[in-house]
Every structure is written in C-alpha cells, then in structure tokens.
Amino acid sequence: MTFLSFFILFSYSLSAVLIFKNLGKTTSTSRWMVLTPALIGLALQALLLNHLIYQENGLINLGFFIAFSLISWLVSAQILISSLYRPMESLGIIMFPLSGLASVFSMVMPASEPLSGVTSQLIQWHIMISIIAYSLIMLSALQALALAYQDHAIRSHHPGGFIRYLPPLHDMETLLFQMLGFGFIFLSTALASGFFFVEDLFAQQLVHKTVLSIIGWFILAILLFGRYKFGWRGKIAIRWTLVSFVFIMLAYFGSKLVLELILAR
C-alpha cells in the first residue's frame, strides 16, 4: 500500500505538470490527455482510502492525515468533474500534488489511535457530510486565491501569463459563490445533524471544534447575504471567503492536530 500511495503522488503530479505545460490548449482531446493521470490517481486514492478508513466491526479511521487525504480527494474529484464543462483544470496544478502528498502521509504517518469507535450510522453520516462541507469550502478558498491573483493582475495592468488561461472575472466570481452556496448548505446540515446526533457537542474535546465551526458558518452566512442583498464581490468576497475557510479548517484540523499529534504524544 505504501508503493500505491507513491504511485498516486506520481499520477497526480504528472497531471499537474501536463496541465501547466498545456495551459491555453482548451480542446476536449488535450484536456482529457492532461486529466487522465489525475483520474487514475483519483481512482487509486479511493481504493487506498477505503482500505484505511473502514476497519473491522464497522469501526472507521478518520485520523488527521487520513481525513486530510479524504478531503483532498473530494476537492480533486470536484475539480475533475467541474473541468468537464468549465476550464477549471488549472486549480489542479496546486491541488493534485497536494492530494498525492496527502495519500503518502496517510500511509507513512498513521493515527496514534486509528479506530474512532464510531459505529452509529447516523454519526457516520454526520461525519461524511461535515467532510463534504469542508472540501467544498476548501475548493472555494482555492477559487478565491485564483480570483485574488486574477483581480490583482488586472488592476495592476499585467493581465498576461497564467491570467490569460483563466475564465473571465465575472465567471470566476459566479463560480466562487456557487461553490460557497453548496458549501454553506452542507455545513449547515453538518452543524444541525451534530446538534441532533452527537451526544454532547460542547464536551471538552469538541467545544473548540463546535465554536470555530459556528463562527465560520456565521461569516459564510454574512458573505452570502451580502452578495444577495448588496452585490458584494471582488476583494470583499475573497477576504470573507478566506477568513471563513481559516475558521472552518481550524475547527476540524486544528482540533485533530492538537488531540492526535500533540496531546497524544
């Protein structure tokens, strides 16, 4: 399985290199050529995740690096699916190698307590909805960074290079808010299901995760309301997206980092 994780890294990285070298070539044939290695990496990463996550007796393993690998897999899948009808493959230049590295780390650095003890089907659904929400918001953050780079280049009158291969600014903003809308729906569902299905959502080990998630949810709600009511766009949308992303990622990965990799030692 360790060899498999390194092959996944190779497949993703190859696709990222091909995407970079073929920027501007938007024919369907060239697009499939550069995305095929990433599709192979995605399929193999799914097999690896299935092996790592599902343990005996219905227990699941969602340690720090395995959870990060799962989220990066979901983000990569979203990029690949979106690339079928939008020129979004450029986001894979960063995300695909990151997914490959996540696969390697999930194998070479397993969790100190791999079995979560989660057997309830409802709790498992809550966890999976939460991870989908995190992946959508992570993808939104990547889109916001690309939008920030594009906006800066246009304002400084240097719209050449990589900028030439991105969709128009208006389309980039529209896509960003579509991602944020779906992310908000899944995050709302995750928080609501947590209050219903998790026995004590404000227990000592969960309180930081809960509070940070709620703060991130409020920031995202304000941003979406501002977009709907006042037409917020540009730098406001980028900043609020990234701030919400920081709180939500700290909620999940910050708490897992402290509990699994610092306090567990």
C-alpha atoms as a PDB file:
ATOM      1  CA  MET A   1       0.000   0.000   0.000  1.00  0.00           C
ATOM      2  CA  THR A   2       2.934   2.351   0.593  1.00  0.00           C
ATOM      3  CA  PHE A   3       4.037   1.854  -3.020  1.00  0.00           C
ATOM      4  CA  LEU A   4       0.464   2.591  -4.116  1.00  0.00           C
ATOM      5  CA  SER A   5       0.491   5.921  -2.271  1.00  0.00           C
ATOM      6  CA  PHE A   6       3.702   6.967  -4.047  1.00  0.00           C
ATOM      7  CA  PHE A   7       2.227   5.942  -7.402  1.00  0.00           C
ATOM      8  CA  ILE A   8      -0.815   8.101  -6.608  1.00  0.00           C
ATOM      9  CA  LEU A   9       1.538  11.013  -5.930  1.00  0.00           C
ATOM     10  CA  PHE A  10       3.272  10.363  -9.271  1.00  0.00           C
ATOM     11  CA  SER A  11      -0.038  10.240 -11.189  1.00  0.00           C
ATOM     12  CA  TYR A  12      -1.356  13.452  -9.675  1.00  0.00           C
ATOM     13  CA  SER A  13       1.971  15.271 -10.129  1.00  0.00           C
ATOM     14  CA  LEU A  14       2.204  14.166 -13.761  1.00  0.00           C
ATOM     15  CA  SER A  15      -1.251  15.573 -14.421  1.00  0.00           C
ATOM     16  CA  ALA A  16      -0.313  18.871 -12.724  1.00  0.00           C
ATOM     17  CA  VAL A  17       2.809  19.187 -14.899  1.00  0.00           C
ATOM     18  CA  LEU A  18       0.827  18.405 -18.067  1.00  0.00           C
ATOM     19  CA  ILE A  19      -1.853  20.950 -17.149  1.00  0.00           C
ATOM     20  CA  PHE A  20       0.807  23.616 -16.622  1.00  0.00           C
ATOM     21  CA  LYS A  21       2.549  22.817 -19.912  1.00  0.00           C
ATOM     22  CA  ASN A  22      -0.736  22.780 -21.851  1.00  0.00           C
ATOM     23  CA  LEU A  23      -2.316  25.960 -20.473  1.00  0.00           C
ATOM     24  CA  GLY A  24      -4.326  27.592 -23.209  1.00  0.00           C
ATOM     25  CA  LYS A  25      -4.972  24.385 -25.144  1.00  0.00           C
ATOM     26  CA  THR A  26      -8.669  24.006 -24.420  1.00  0.00           C
ATOM     27  CA  THR A  27      -9.637  21.318 -26.915  1.00  0.00           C
ATOM     28  CA  SER A  28     -11.508  18.379 -25.432  1.00  0.00           C
ATOM     29  CA  THR A  29      -8.778  15.971 -26.572  1.00  0.00           C
ATOM     30  CA  SER A  30      -5.919  17.862 -24.922  1.00  0.00           C
ATOM     31  CA  ARG A  31      -7.991  18.357 -21.769  1.00  0.00           C
ATOM     32  CA  TRP A  32      -8.614  14.619 -21.404  1.00  0.00           C
ATOM     33  CA  MET A  33      -4.934  13.891 -22.059  1.00  0.00           C
ATOM     34  CA  VAL A  34      -3.757  16.099 -19.210  1.00  0.00           C
ATOM     35  CA  LEU A  35      -6.511  14.970 -16.831  1.00  0.00           C
ATOM     36  CA  THR A  36      -6.181  11.213 -17.392  1.00  0.00           C
ATOM     37  CA  PRO A  37      -3.276  10.731 -14.923  1.00  0.00           C
ATOM     38  CA  ALA A  38      -5.286  12.616 -12.282  1.00  0.00           C
ATOM     39  CA  LEU A  39      -8.294  10.361 -12.957  1.00  0.00           C
ATOM     40  CA  ILE A  40      -6.064   7.330 -12.384  1.00  0.00           C
ATOM     41  CA  GLY A  41      -4.718   8.896  -9.188  1.00  0.00           C
ATOM     42  CA  LEU A  42      -8.258   9.679  -8.052  1.00  0.00           C
ATOM     43  CA  ALA A  43      -9.410   6.073  -8.549  1.00  0.00           C
ATOM     44  CA  LEU A  44      -6.367   4.631  -6.766  1.00  0.00           C
ATOM     45  CA  GLN A  45      -6.688   7.127  -3.923  1.00  0.00           C
ATOM     46  CA  ALA A  46     -10.303   5.998  -3.467  1.00  0.00           C
ATOM     47  CA  LEU A  47      -9.107   2.396  -3.102  1.00  0.00           C
ATOM     48  CA  LEU A  48      -6.455   3.458  -0.613  1.00  0.00           C
ATOM     49  CA  LEU A  49      -8.935   5.498   1.415  1.00  0.00           C
ATOM     50  CA  ASN A  50     -11.379   2.598   1.502  1.00  0.00           C
ATOM     51  CA  HIS A  51      -8.599   0.400   2.894  1.00  0.00           C
ATOM     52  CA  LEU A  52      -7.546   2.972   5.507  1.00  0.00           C
ATOM     53  CA  ILE A  53     -10.921   4.291   6.668  1.00  0.00           C
ATOM     54  CA  TYR A  54     -13.086   1.186   7.070  1.00  0.00           C
ATOM     55  CA  GLN A  55     -11.855  -1.108   9.821  1.00  0.00           C
ATOM     56  CA  GLU A  56     -13.210  -4.332  11.284  1.00  0.00           C
ATOM     57  CA  ASN A  57     -16.512  -4.473  13.177  1.00  0.00           C
ATOM     58  CA  GLY A  58     -17.849  -1.376  11.441  1.00  0.00           C
ATOM     59  CA  LEU A  59     -15.309   0.990  13.014  1.00  0.00           C
ATOM     60  CA  ILE A  60     -13.868   3.834  10.943  1.00  0.00           C
ATOM     61  CA  ASN A  61     -10.478   5.509  10.956  1.00  0.00           C
ATOM     62  CA  LEU A  62     -10.523   9.261  10.383  1.00  0.00           C
ATOM     63  CA  GLY A  63      -7.173  10.235  11.837  1.00  0.00           C
ATOM     64  CA  PHE A  64      -5.589  13.577  10.957  1.00  0.00           C
ATOM     65  CA  PHE A  65      -3.759  12.561   7.765  1.00  0.00           C
ATOM     66  CA  ILE A  66      -6.459  10.158   6.578  1.00  0.00           C
ATOM     67  CA  ALA A  67      -9.108  12.856   6.987  1.00  0.00           C
ATOM     68  CA  PHE A  68      -6.911  15.311   5.090  1.00  0.00           C
ATOM     69  CA  SER A  69      -6.422  12.737   2.317  1.00  0.00           C
ATOM     70  CA  LEU A  70     -10.195  12.219   2.114  1.00  0.00           C
ATOM     71  CA  ILE A  71     -10.895  15.952   1.893  1.00  0.00           C
ATOM     72  CA  SER A  72      -8.167  16.464  -0.716  1.00  0.00           C
ATOM     73  CA  TRP A  73      -9.640  13.531  -2.687  1.00  0.00           C
ATOM     74  CA  LEU A  74     -13.065  15.172  -2.653  1.00  0.00           C
ATOM     75  CA  VAL A  75     -11.614  18.516  -3.758  1.00  0.00           C
ATOM     76  CA  SER A  76      -9.690  16.818  -6.600  1.00  0.00           C
ATOM     77  CA  ALA A  77     -12.861  14.987  -7.655  1.00  0.00           C
ATOM     78  CA  GLN A  78     -14.780  18.269  -7.716  1.00  0.00           C
ATOM     79  CA  ILE A  79     -12.083  19.879  -9.864  1.00  0.00           C
ATOM     80  CA  LEU A  80     -12.145  16.969 -12.318  1.00  0.00           C
ATOM     81  CA  ILE A  81     -15.941  16.934 -12.554  1.00  0.00           C
ATOM     82  CA  SER A  82     -16.109  20.716 -12.978  1.00  0.00           C
ATOM     83  CA  SER A  83     -13.405  20.565 -15.673  1.00  0.00           C
ATOM     84  CA  LEU A  84     -15.812  18.615 -17.880  1.00  0.00           C
ATOM     85  CA  TYR A  85     -17.837  21.774 -18.543  1.00  0.00           C
ATOM     86  CA  ARG A  86     -15.675  24.648 -17.202  1.00  0.00           C
ATOM     87  CA  PRO A  87     -11.962  25.453 -17.657  1.00  0.00           C
ATOM     88  CA  MET A  88     -11.116  24.689 -14.018  1.00  0.00           C
ATOM     89  CA  GLU A  89      -8.268  22.242 -14.508  1.00  0.00           C
ATOM     90  CA  SER A  90      -5.730  24.984 -13.666  1.00  0.00           C
ATOM     91  CA  LEU A  91      -6.720  24.587  -9.986  1.00  0.00           C
ATOM     92  CA  GLY A  92      -5.285  21.078 -10.215  1.00  0.00           C
ATOM     93  CA  ILE A  93      -1.763  22.475 -10.602  1.00  0.00           C
ATOM     94  CA  ILE A  94      -1.766  23.014  -6.836  1.00  0.00           C
ATOM     95  CA  MET A  95      -4.439  20.602  -5.649  1.00  0.00           C
ATOM     96  CA  PHE A  96      -3.435  17.403  -7.446  1.00  0.00           C
ATOM     97  CA  PRO A  97       0.102  17.161  -5.996  1.00  0.00           C
ATOM     98  CA  LEU A  98      -1.349  18.076  -2.601  1.00  0.00           C
ATOM     99  CA  SER A  99      -3.741  15.125  -2.874  1.00  0.00           C
ATOM    100  CA  GLY A 100      -0.831  12.858  -3.773  1.00  0.00           C
ATOM    101  CA  LEU A 101       1.183  14.042  -0.779  1.00  0.00           C
ATOM    102  CA  ALA A 102      -1.856  13.527   1.455  1.00  0.00           C
ATOM    103  CA  SER A 103      -2.030   9.896   0.286  1.00  0.00           C
ATOM    104  CA  VAL A 104       1.636   9.352   1.127  1.00  0.00           C
ATOM    105  CA  PHE A 105       1.316  10.923   4.592  1.00  0.00           C
ATOM    106  CA  SER A 106      -1.829   8.907   5.335  1.00  0.00           C
ATOM    107  CA  MET A 107       0.243   5.747   4.837  1.00  0.00           C
ATOM    108  CA  VAL A 108       3.556   6.674   6.456  1.00  0.00           C
ATOM    109  CA  MET A 109       2.083   8.598   9.411  1.00  0.00           C
ATOM    110  CA  PRO A 110      -0.973   6.671  10.665  1.00  0.00           C
ATOM    111  CA  ALA A 111      -3.056   7.987  13.545  1.00  0.00           C
ATOM    112  CA  SER A 112      -1.950   7.094  17.051  1.00  0.00           C
ATOM    113  CA  GLU A 113      -5.469   5.851  17.830  1.00  0.00           C
ATOM    114  CA  PRO A 114      -6.789   4.771  14.429  1.00  0.00           C
ATOM    115  CA  LEU A 115     -10.143   3.368  15.474  1.00  0.00           C
ATOM    116  CA  SER A 116     -12.648   6.098  16.165  1.00  0.00           C
ATOM    117  CA  GLY A 117     -15.185   3.811  17.770  1.00  0.00           C
ATOM    118  CA  VAL A 118     -17.956   5.309  15.665  1.00  0.00           C
ATOM    119  CA  THR A 119     -20.444   2.584  14.890  1.00  0.00           C
ATOM    120  CA  SER A 120     -23.675   4.607  14.700  1.00  0.00           C
ATOM    121  CA  GLN A 121     -24.810   5.037  11.111  1.00  0.00           C
ATOM    122  CA  LEU A 122     -26.203   8.490  11.910  1.00  0.00           C
ATOM    123  CA  ILE A 123     -22.883   9.674  13.356  1.00  0.00           C
ATOM    124  CA  GLN A 124     -21.066   8.323  10.306  1.00  0.00           C
ATOM    125  CA  TRP A 125     -23.410  10.289   8.044  1.00  0.00           C
ATOM    126  CA  HIS A 126     -22.775  13.407  10.162  1.00  0.00           C
ATOM    127  CA  ILE A 127     -19.009  12.945   9.749  1.00  0.00           C
ATOM    128  CA  MET A 128     -19.232  12.415   5.988  1.00  0.00           C
ATOM    129  CA  ILE A 129     -21.494  15.471   5.493  1.00  0.00           C
ATOM    130  CA  SER A 130     -19.020  17.530   7.534  1.00  0.00           C
ATOM    131  CA  ILE A 131     -16.112  16.360   5.386  1.00  0.00           C
ATOM    132  CA  ILE A 132     -18.011  17.172   2.176  1.00  0.00           C
ATOM    133  CA  ALA A 133     -18.694  20.665   3.582  1.00  0.00           C
ATOM    134  CA  TYR A 134     -15.017  21.155   4.429  1.00  0.00           C
ATOM    135  CA  SER A 135     -13.953  20.010   0.958  1.00  0.00           C
ATOM    136  CA  LEU A 136     -16.360  22.402  -0.771  1.00  0.00           C
ATOM    137  CA  ILE A 137     -15.146  25.310   1.345  1.00  0.00           C
ATOM    138  CA  MET A 138     -11.515  24.326   0.708  1.00  0.00           C
ATOM    139  CA  LEU A 139     -12.232  24.326  -3.037  1.00  0.00           C
ATOM    140  CA  SER A 140     -13.875  27.742  -2.620  1.00  0.00           C
ATOM    141  CA  ALA A 141     -10.723  29.017  -0.911  1.00  0.00           C
ATOM    142  CA  LEU A 142      -8.608  27.818  -3.843  1.00  0.00           C
ATOM    143  CA  GLN A 143     -11.001  29.564  -6.209  1.00  0.00           C
ATOM    144  CA  ALA A 144     -10.801  32.731  -4.079  1.00  0.00           C
ATOM    145  CA  LEU A 145      -6.982  32.684  -4.251  1.00  0.00           C
ATOM    146  CA  ALA A 146      -7.110  32.309  -8.045  1.00  0.00           C
ATOM    147  CA  LEU A 147      -9.645  35.143  -8.172  1.00  0.00           C
ATOM    148  CA  ALA A 148      -7.419  37.334  -5.978  1.00  0.00           C
ATOM    149  CA  TYR A 149      -4.457  36.723  -8.273  1.00  0.00           C
ATOM    150  CA  GLN A 150      -6.570  37.493 -11.332  1.00  0.00           C
ATOM    151  CA  ASP A 151      -8.033  40.659  -9.785  1.00  0.00           C
ATOM    152  CA  HIS A 152      -4.595  41.914  -8.734  1.00  0.00           C
ATOM    153  CA  ALA A 153      -3.119  41.301 -12.195  1.00  0.00           C
ATOM    154  CA  ILE A 154      -5.968  43.133 -13.919  1.00  0.00           C
ATOM    155  CA  ARG A 155      -5.809  46.120 -11.527  1.00  0.00           C
ATOM    156  CA  SER A 156      -2.027  46.390 -11.955  1.00  0.00           C
ATOM    157  CA  HIS A 157      -2.423  46.193 -15.759  1.00  0.00           C
ATOM    158  CA  HIS A 158      -0.469  42.948 -16.071  1.00  0.00           C
ATOM    159  CA  PRO A 159      -3.113  40.545 -17.391  1.00  0.00           C
ATOM    160  CA  GLY A 160      -0.634  38.244 -19.141  1.00  0.00           C
ATOM    161  CA  GLY A 161       0.844  34.865 -18.264  1.00  0.00           C
ATOM    162  CA  PHE A 162      -1.336  32.500 -16.252  1.00  0.00           C
ATOM    163  CA  ILE A 163      -4.181  35.047 -16.151  1.00  0.00           C
ATOM    164  CA  ARG A 164      -4.847  34.580 -19.863  1.00  0.00           C
ATOM    165  CA  TYR A 165      -5.979  30.996 -19.264  1.00  0.00           C
ATOM    166  CA  LEU A 166      -8.492  31.720 -16.500  1.00  0.00           C
ATOM    167  CA  PRO A 167     -12.196  32.319 -17.196  1.00  0.00           C
ATOM    168  CA  PRO A 168     -13.428  35.949 -17.195  1.00  0.00           C
ATOM    169  CA  LEU A 169     -13.508  37.659 -13.776  1.00  0.00           C
ATOM    170  CA  HIS A 170     -17.319  37.676 -13.665  1.00  0.00           C
ATOM    171  CA  ASP A 171     -17.468  33.928 -14.350  1.00  0.00           C
ATOM    172  CA  MET A 172     -14.822  33.275 -11.678  1.00  0.00           C
ATOM    173  CA  GLU A 173     -16.877  35.191  -9.112  1.00  0.00           C
ATOM    174  CA  THR A 174     -20.090  33.429 -10.113  1.00  0.00           C
ATOM    175  CA  LEU A 175     -18.400  30.047  -9.757  1.00  0.00           C
ATOM    176  CA  LEU A 176     -16.976  31.050  -6.360  1.00  0.00           C
ATOM    177  CA  PHE A 177     -20.408  31.879  -4.957  1.00  0.00           C
ATOM    178  CA  GLN A 178     -21.908  28.702  -6.402  1.00  0.00           C
ATOM    179  CA  MET A 179     -19.274  26.690  -4.508  1.00  0.00           C
ATOM    180  CA  LEU A 180     -19.844  28.731  -1.345  1.00  0.00           C
ATOM    181  CA  GLY A 181     -23.594  28.191  -1.613  1.00  0.00           C
ATOM    182  CA  PHE A 182     -23.225  24.418  -1.771  1.00  0.00           C
ATOM    183  CA  GLY A 183     -20.601  24.507   0.984  1.00  0.00           C
ATOM    184  CA  PHE A 184     -22.938  26.541   3.194  1.00  0.00           C
ATOM    185  CA  ILE A 185     -25.774  24.051   2.670  1.00  0.00           C
ATOM    186  CA  PHE A 186     -23.580  21.089   3.631  1.00  0.00           C
ATOM    187  CA  LEU A 187     -22.025  22.946   6.587  1.00  0.00           C
ATOM    188  CA  SER A 188     -25.488  23.922   7.864  1.00  0.00           C
ATOM    189  CA  THR A 189     -26.610  20.300   7.545  1.00  0.00           C
ATOM    190  CA  ALA A 190     -23.473  19.119   9.350  1.00  0.00           C
ATOM    191  CA  LEU A 191     -23.980  21.520  12.262  1.00  0.00           C
ATOM    192  CA  ALA A 192     -27.693  20.702  12.523  1.00  0.00           C
ATOM    193  CA  SER A 193     -27.050  16.948  12.464  1.00  0.00           C
ATOM    194  CA  GLY A 194     -24.315  17.414  15.063  1.00  0.00           C
ATOM    195  CA  PHE A 195     -26.753  19.015  17.495  1.00  0.00           C
ATOM    196  CA  PHE A 196     -29.203  16.153  16.932  1.00  0.00           C
ATOM    197  CA  PHE A 197     -26.920  13.123  16.732  1.00  0.00           C
ATOM    198  CA  VAL A 198     -23.814  13.960  18.794  1.00  0.00           C
ATOM    199  CA  GLU A 199     -24.421  13.308  22.461  1.00  0.00           C
ATOM    200  CA  ASP A 200     -22.557  16.346  23.853  1.00  0.00           C
ATOM    201  CA  LEU A 201     -21.443  18.736  21.120  1.00  0.00           C
ATOM    202  CA  PHE A 202     -19.881  21.087  23.686  1.00  0.00           C
ATOM    203  CA  ALA A 203     -17.855  18.436  25.516  1.00  0.00           C
ATOM    204  CA  GLN A 204     -14.255  19.342  26.308  1.00  0.00           C
ATOM    205  CA  GLN A 205     -12.820  17.627  23.224  1.00  0.00           C
ATOM    206  CA  LEU A 206     -15.482  19.065  20.900  1.00  0.00           C
ATOM    207  CA  VAL A 207     -16.083  22.586  22.188  1.00  0.00           C
ATOM    208  CA  HIS A 208     -13.309  24.246  20.153  1.00  0.00           C
ATOM    209  CA  LYS A 209     -14.392  22.448  17.002  1.00  0.00           C
ATOM    210  CA  THR A 210     -18.030  23.423  17.557  1.00  0.00           C
ATOM    211  CA  VAL A 211     -17.359  27.085  18.360  1.00  0.00           C
ATOM    212  CA  LEU A 212     -14.937  27.588  15.463  1.00  0.00           C
ATOM    213  CA  SER A 213     -17.340  25.864  13.043  1.00  0.00           C
ATOM    214  CA  ILE A 214     -20.197  28.123  14.151  1.00  0.00           C
ATOM    215  CA  ILE A 215     -18.015  31.236  13.728  1.00  0.00           C
ATOM    216  CA  GLY A 216     -17.031  30.073  10.223  1.00  0.00           C
ATOM    217  CA  TRP A 217     -20.699  29.374   9.446  1.00  0.00           C
ATOM    218  CA  PHE A 218     -21.727  32.896  10.549  1.00  0.00           C
ATOM    219  CA  ILE A 219     -19.002  34.510   8.436  1.00  0.00           C
ATOM    220  CA  LEU A 220     -20.102  32.477   5.421  1.00  0.00           C
ATOM    221  CA  ALA A 221     -23.765  33.338   6.059  1.00  0.00           C
ATOM    222  CA  ILE A 222     -22.940  37.069   6.224  1.00  0.00           C
ATOM    223  CA  LEU A 223     -20.954  36.849   2.981  1.00  0.00           C
ATOM    224  CA  LEU A 224     -23.766  35.096   1.116  1.00  0.00           C
ATOM    225  CA  PHE A 225     -26.318  37.566   2.474  1.00  0.00           C
ATOM    226  CA  GLY A 226     -24.084  40.467   1.447  1.00  0.00           C
ATOM    227  CA  ARG A 227     -23.787  39.009  -2.033  1.00  0.00           C
ATOM    228  CA  TYR A 228     -27.564  38.614  -2.324  1.00  0.00           C
ATOM    229  CA  LYS A 229     -28.533  41.949  -0.754  1.00  0.00           C
ATOM    230  CA  PHE A 230     -25.675  44.294  -1.635  1.00  0.00           C
ATOM    231  CA  GLY A 231     -23.922  42.545  -4.525  1.00  0.00           C
ATOM    232  CA  TRP A 232     -20.637  42.026  -2.664  1.00  0.00           C
ATOM    233  CA  ARG A 233     -17.830  40.966  -4.959  1.00  0.00           C
ATOM    234  CA  GLY A 234     -14.115  41.352  -5.570  1.00  0.00           C
ATOM    235  CA  LYS A 235     -11.842  41.836  -2.567  1.00  0.00           C
ATOM    236  CA  ILE A 236     -14.718  41.663  -0.066  1.00  0.00           C
ATOM    237  CA  ALA A 237     -15.775  38.238  -1.361  1.00  0.00           C
ATOM    238  CA  ILE A 238     -12.181  36.980  -1.413  1.00  0.00           C
ATOM    239  CA  ARG A 239     -11.347  38.133   2.130  1.00  0.00           C
ATOM    240  CA  TRP A 240     -14.545  36.833   3.711  1.00  0.00           C
ATOM    241  CA  THR A 241     -14.168  33.508   1.916  1.00  0.00           C
ATOM    242  CA  LEU A 242     -10.604  33.045   3.174  1.00  0.00           C
ATOM    243  CA  VAL A 243     -11.480  34.100   6.735  1.00  0.00           C
ATOM    244  CA  SER A 244     -14.375  31.629   6.825  1.00  0.00           C
ATOM    245  CA  PHE A 245     -12.067  28.927   5.409  1.00  0.00           C
ATOM    246  CA  VAL A 246      -9.471  29.557   8.138  1.00  0.00           C
ATOM    247  CA  PHE A 247     -12.031  29.195  10.951  1.00  0.00           C
ATOM    248  CA  ILE A 248     -13.622  26.087   9.463  1.00  0.00           C
ATOM    249  CA  MET A 249     -10.295  24.362   8.760  1.00  0.00           C
ATOM    250  CA  LEU A 250      -9.061  25.230  12.260  1.00  0.00           C
ATOM    251  CA  ALA A 251     -12.278  23.731  13.623  1.00  0.00           C
ATOM    252  CA  TYR A 252     -11.570  20.346  12.077  1.00  0.00           C
ATOM    253  CA  PHE A 253      -7.849  20.065  11.506  1.00  0.00           C
ATOM    254  CA  GLY A 254      -6.781  22.296  14.390  1.00  0.00           C
ATOM    255  CA  SER A 255      -8.601  20.185  16.958  1.00  0.00           C
ATOM    256  CA  LYS A 256      -7.429  16.927  15.360  1.00  0.00           C
ATOM    257  CA  LEU A 257      -3.845  18.182  15.222  1.00  0.00           C
ATOM    258  CA  VAL A 258      -3.836  19.005  18.930  1.00  0.00           C
ATOM    259  CA  LEU A 259      -5.640  15.855  20.052  1.00  0.00           C
ATOM    260  CA  GLU A 260      -3.881  13.308  17.819  1.00  0.00           C
ATOM    261  CA  LEU A 261      -0.416  14.663  17.141  1.00  0.00           C
ATOM    262  CA  ILE A 262       0.409  16.852  20.148  1.00  0.00           C
ATOM    263  CA  LEU A 263      -1.522  15.730  23.237  1.00  0.00           C
ATOM    264  CA  ALA A 264      -1.309  12.054  22.234  1.00  0.00           C
ATOM    265  CA  ARG A 265       2.489  12.101  22.475  1.00  0.00           C
END
